[in-house]
Amino acid sequence: LSFDIAVPELLLPLTIGARIELVRRETAGDARLLAAALESAGATVLQATPATWTLLVDGGWQGRPGLKALCGGEALPRALADRLLLRAAELWNLYGP
């Protein structure tokens, strides 16, 4: 919550009537728990770092129909982008100085 990107992540969804879901650190670091949280919440958008996306994909996550995957915080490797495009309707690379 103290990272500079946290403000738009938290406030922009609320401006259009969406809701936000925060998960515990233990959930965010466990592919199975994080995938279950995404399903339970009915997530339509997820912003994560490449490290978290890799955790999900390597953990067997198959994606969600219609999901918008937002990736930022560090460079997005092309190989990971290719894997995410198989699991999400849209992929947005938000990283860049």
C-alpha atoms as a PDB file:
ATOM      1  CA  LEU A   1       0.000   0.000   0.000  1.00  0.00           C
ATOM      2  CA  SER A   2       2.949   2.353   0.266  1.00  0.00           C
ATOM      3  CA  PHE A   3       4.276   1.869  -3.277  1.00  0.00           C
ATOM      4  CA  ASP A   4       3.566   4.798  -5.636  1.00  0.00           C
ATOM      5  CA  ILE A   5       1.435   2.694  -7.988  1.00  0.00           C
ATOM      6  CA  ALA A   6      -0.828   1.704  -5.098  1.00  0.00           C
ATOM      7  CA  VAL A   7      -2.831   4.936  -5.306  1.00  0.00           C
ATOM      8  CA  PRO A   8      -4.178   4.396  -8.836  1.00  0.00           C
ATOM      9  CA  GLU A   9      -4.531   0.645  -8.203  1.00  0.00           C
ATOM     10  CA  LEU A  10      -6.740   1.327  -5.208  1.00  0.00           C
ATOM     11  CA  LEU A  11      -8.647   4.426  -6.265  1.00  0.00           C
ATOM     12  CA  LEU A  12      -9.208   4.157 -10.026  1.00  0.00           C
ATOM     13  CA  PRO A  13     -11.399   1.028  -9.840  1.00  0.00           C
ATOM     14  CA  LEU A  14     -13.606   2.744  -7.291  1.00  0.00           C
ATOM     15  CA  THR A  15     -14.254   5.673  -9.653  1.00  0.00           C
ATOM     16  CA  ILE A  16     -16.147   3.345 -12.000  1.00  0.00           C
ATOM     17  CA  GLY A  17     -17.979   1.377  -9.332  1.00  0.00           C
ATOM     18  CA  ALA A  18     -15.654  -1.615  -9.296  1.00  0.00           C
ATOM     19  CA  ARG A  19     -14.453  -3.218  -6.112  1.00  0.00           C
ATOM     20  CA  ILE A  20     -10.938  -4.059  -5.048  1.00  0.00           C
ATOM     21  CA  GLU A  21      -9.742  -7.165  -3.278  1.00  0.00           C
ATOM     22  CA  LEU A  22      -6.608  -7.285  -1.164  1.00  0.00           C
ATOM     23  CA  VAL A  23      -5.076 -10.598  -0.183  1.00  0.00           C
ATOM     24  CA  ARG A  24      -2.737 -11.474   2.637  1.00  0.00           C
ATOM     25  CA  ARG A  25       0.970 -11.780   1.909  1.00  0.00           C
ATOM     26  CA  GLU A  26       0.708 -15.557   2.421  1.00  0.00           C
ATOM     27  CA  THR A  27      -1.957 -15.759  -0.290  1.00  0.00           C
ATOM     28  CA  ALA A  28      -0.045 -13.514  -2.689  1.00  0.00           C
ATOM     29  CA  GLY A  29       3.010 -15.763  -2.392  1.00  0.00           C
ATOM     30  CA  ASP A  30       1.208 -19.074  -2.954  1.00  0.00           C
ATOM     31  CA  ALA A  31       0.069 -19.818  -6.512  1.00  0.00           C
ATOM     32  CA  ARG A  32      -2.715 -22.167  -5.452  1.00  0.00           C
ATOM     33  CA  LEU A  33      -4.143 -19.769  -2.867  1.00  0.00           C
ATOM     34  CA  LEU A  34      -3.849 -16.779  -5.172  1.00  0.00           C
ATOM     35  CA  ALA A  35      -5.574 -18.595  -8.041  1.00  0.00           C
ATOM     36  CA  ALA A  36      -8.371 -19.620  -5.671  1.00  0.00           C
ATOM     37  CA  ALA A  37      -8.733 -16.016  -4.485  1.00  0.00           C
ATOM     38  CA  LEU A  38      -9.022 -14.815  -8.095  1.00  0.00           C
ATOM     39  CA  GLU A  39     -11.758 -17.350  -8.783  1.00  0.00           C
ATOM     40  CA  SER A  40     -13.597 -16.645  -5.547  1.00  0.00           C
ATOM     41  CA  ALA A  41     -13.595 -12.898  -6.199  1.00  0.00           C
ATOM     42  CA  GLY A  42     -14.629 -13.301  -9.835  1.00  0.00           C
ATOM     43  CA  ALA A  43     -11.682 -11.092 -10.798  1.00  0.00           C
ATOM     44  CA  THR A  44     -11.924  -9.320 -14.143  1.00  0.00           C
ATOM     45  CA  VAL A  45      -8.673  -7.333 -13.806  1.00  0.00           C
ATOM     46  CA  LEU A  46      -5.464  -8.198 -12.000  1.00  0.00           C
ATOM     47  CA  GLN A  47      -2.357  -6.060 -11.765  1.00  0.00           C
ATOM     48  CA  ALA A  48       0.775  -7.875 -10.692  1.00  0.00           C
ATOM     49  CA  THR A  49       4.516  -7.894 -11.204  1.00  0.00           C
ATOM     50  CA  PRO A  50       6.139 -10.354 -13.601  1.00  0.00           C
ATOM     51  CA  ALA A  51       7.323 -12.293 -10.541  1.00  0.00           C
ATOM     52  CA  THR A  52       3.740 -12.806  -9.365  1.00  0.00           C
ATOM     53  CA  TRP A  53       2.490 -13.651 -12.852  1.00  0.00           C
ATOM     54  CA  THR A  54       5.296 -16.212 -13.151  1.00  0.00           C
ATOM     55  CA  LEU A  55       4.317 -17.678  -9.781  1.00  0.00           C
ATOM     56  CA  LEU A  56       0.728 -18.104 -10.987  1.00  0.00           C
ATOM     57  CA  VAL A  57       1.574 -19.568 -14.385  1.00  0.00           C
ATOM     58  CA  ASP A  58       4.274 -21.890 -13.042  1.00  0.00           C
ATOM     59  CA  GLY A  59       1.827 -22.962 -10.332  1.00  0.00           C
ATOM     60  CA  GLY A  60      -0.605 -24.294 -12.932  1.00  0.00           C
ATOM     61  CA  TRP A  61      -3.014 -21.353 -13.153  1.00  0.00           C
ATOM     62  CA  GLN A  62      -5.003 -21.702 -16.376  1.00  0.00           C
ATOM     63  CA  GLY A  63      -6.339 -18.159 -16.552  1.00  0.00           C
ATOM     64  CA  ARG A  64      -9.791 -16.604 -16.448  1.00  0.00           C
ATOM     65  CA  PRO A  65     -12.045 -15.890 -19.415  1.00  0.00           C
ATOM     66  CA  GLY A  66     -12.218 -12.162 -20.045  1.00  0.00           C
ATOM     67  CA  LEU A  67      -9.422 -11.305 -17.599  1.00  0.00           C
ATOM     68  CA  LYS A  68      -7.426  -8.133 -18.186  1.00  0.00           C
ATOM     69  CA  ALA A  69      -3.890  -8.849 -17.021  1.00  0.00           C
ATOM     70  CA  LEU A  70      -1.916  -5.743 -16.081  1.00  0.00           C
ATOM     71  CA  CYS A  71       1.803  -6.158 -15.573  1.00  0.00           C
ATOM     72  CA  GLY A  72       4.097  -3.589 -13.992  1.00  0.00           C
ATOM     73  CA  GLY A  73       6.795  -2.968 -11.435  1.00  0.00           C
ATOM     74  CA  GLU A  74       9.560  -4.602 -13.455  1.00  0.00           C
ATOM     75  CA  ALA A  75      10.303  -5.511 -17.069  1.00  0.00           C
ATOM     76  CA  LEU A  76       7.926  -8.021 -18.673  1.00  0.00           C
ATOM     77  CA  PRO A  77       9.866 -10.781 -20.471  1.00  0.00           C
ATOM     78  CA  ARG A  78       8.460 -11.717 -23.890  1.00  0.00           C
ATOM     79  CA  ALA A  79       8.240 -15.398 -22.904  1.00  0.00           C
ATOM     80  CA  LEU A  80       6.027 -14.534 -19.934  1.00  0.00           C
ATOM     81  CA  ALA A  81       3.893 -12.237 -22.085  1.00  0.00           C
ATOM     82  CA  ASP A  82       3.321 -15.118 -24.504  1.00  0.00           C
ATOM     83  CA  ARG A  83       2.258 -17.395 -21.634  1.00  0.00           C
ATOM     84  CA  LEU A  84      -0.107 -14.764 -20.233  1.00  0.00           C
ATOM     85  CA  LEU A  85      -1.713 -14.120 -23.611  1.00  0.00           C
ATOM     86  CA  LEU A  86      -2.835 -17.761 -23.579  1.00  0.00           C
ATOM     87  CA  ARG A  87      -4.588 -17.214 -20.229  1.00  0.00           C
ATOM     88  CA  ALA A  88      -6.051 -13.711 -20.391  1.00  0.00           C
ATOM     89  CA  ALA A  89      -8.230 -11.782 -22.807  1.00  0.00           C
ATOM     90  CA  GLU A  90      -5.930  -8.755 -22.643  1.00  0.00           C
ATOM     91  CA  LEU A  91      -2.393  -8.108 -21.454  1.00  0.00           C
ATOM     92  CA  TRP A  92      -1.194  -4.598 -20.661  1.00  0.00           C
ATOM     93  CA  ASN A  93       2.478  -3.916 -19.963  1.00  0.00           C
ATOM     94  CA  LEU A  94       2.501  -0.932 -17.592  1.00  0.00           C
ATOM     95  CA  TYR A  95       6.225  -0.901 -16.899  1.00  0.00           C
ATOM     96  CA  GLY A  96       8.498   1.804 -18.158  1.00  0.00           C
ATOM     97  CA  PRO A  97      10.538   4.685 -16.882  1.00  0.00           C
END
